[in-house]
Every structure is written in C-alpha cells, then in structure tokens.
N, C-alpha and C. Protein backbone atom coordinates (compact mmCIF):
# COMPACT_ATOMS: atom_id res chain seq x y z
N MET A 1 0.55 -0.89 0.09
CA MET A 1 -0.07 0.26 -0.54
C MET A 1 0.49 0.97 -0.16
N GLY A 2 2.11 0.89 1.00
CA GLY A 2 3.19 2.24 0.87
C GLY A 2 3.28 2.11 -0.49
N VAL A 3 3.52 1.52 -1.05
CA VAL A 3 4.61 1.70 -2.73
C VAL A 3 3.57 2.43 -3.34
N TRP A 4 2.22 2.42 -3.20
CA TRP A 4 1.02 2.45 -4.26
C TRP A 4 0.74 4.31 -3.86
N PHE A 5 0.92 3.71 -1.73
CA PHE A 5 0.48 5.72 -1.91
C PHE A 5 1.48 6.32 -2.40
N GLU A 6 2.51 6.72 -2.68
CA GLU A 6 3.62 6.91 -3.07
C GLU A 6 3.45 7.37 -4.72
N PHE A 7 3.20 6.04 -5.10
CA PHE A 7 3.03 5.95 -7.06
C PHE A 7 1.60 7.33 -7.28
N HIS A 8 0.25 7.80 -5.89
CA HIS A 8 -0.26 8.12 -6.65
C HIS A 8 0.56 9.53 -6.12
N TRP A 9 1.21 9.89 -5.46
CA TRP A 9 1.00 11.25 -4.65
C TRP A 9 2.52 11.70 -5.64
N ALA A 10 3.19 11.24 -6.29
CA ALA A 10 3.95 11.89 -7.41
C ALA A 10 3.47 11.75 -8.76
N ARG A 11 2.25 10.60 -9.30
CA ARG A 11 1.71 11.40 -10.42
C ARG A 11 1.22 12.63 -10.18
N HIS A 12 0.35 13.78 -8.55
CA HIS A 12 -0.18 13.63 -8.36
C HIS A 12 0.85 15.18 -8.66
N PHE A 13 2.04 14.96 -8.17
CA PHE A 13 2.55 16.28 -7.95
C PHE A 13 3.22 15.94 -9.29
N VAL A 14 4.03 15.10 -10.98
CA VAL A 14 3.91 15.95 -11.92
C VAL A 14 3.00 16.74 -12.36
N THR A 15 1.25 15.82 -12.08
CA THR A 15 0.68 16.52 -12.26
C THR A 15 0.33 18.44 -12.73
N LEU A 16 0.77 18.63 -11.31
CA LEU A 16 0.47 20.55 -10.63
C LEU A 16 1.62 20.66 -11.69
N ALA A 17 3.40 19.82 -11.62
CA ALA A 17 4.51 21.26 -11.59
C ALA A 17 3.77 21.08 -13.29
N ARG A 18 3.27 20.18 -13.67
CA ARG A 18 3.38 20.11 -15.72
C ARG A 18 2.24 21.85 -15.69
N SER A 19 0.98 21.57 -15.04
CA SER A 19 0.33 22.98 -14.84
C SER A 19 1.06 24.07 -15.00
N LYS A 20 1.84 23.88 -13.66
CA LYS A 20 2.65 25.44 -14.34
C LYS A 20 3.61 25.83 -14.94
N ASP A 21 4.35 24.49 -15.34
CA ASP A 21 5.00 24.41 -17.03
C ASP A 21 5.99 24.53 -15.98
N PHE A 22 6.40 24.23 -15.04
CA PHE A 22 8.28 24.62 -14.39
C PHE A 22 8.82 23.82 -15.51
C-alpha cells in the first residue's frame, strides 16, 4: 500500500508541476 500511495502522490506532483509549466 505504501508504494501505491507514493506512486499516486508522485503522479499528482508531476501533474501539478506540468500545469505550472515548471
């Protein structure tokens, strides 16, 4: 479950960064 949670968090972070066009 920990790995899944980490993956989900990472995906959210990437999406946010992409939206901000970092």
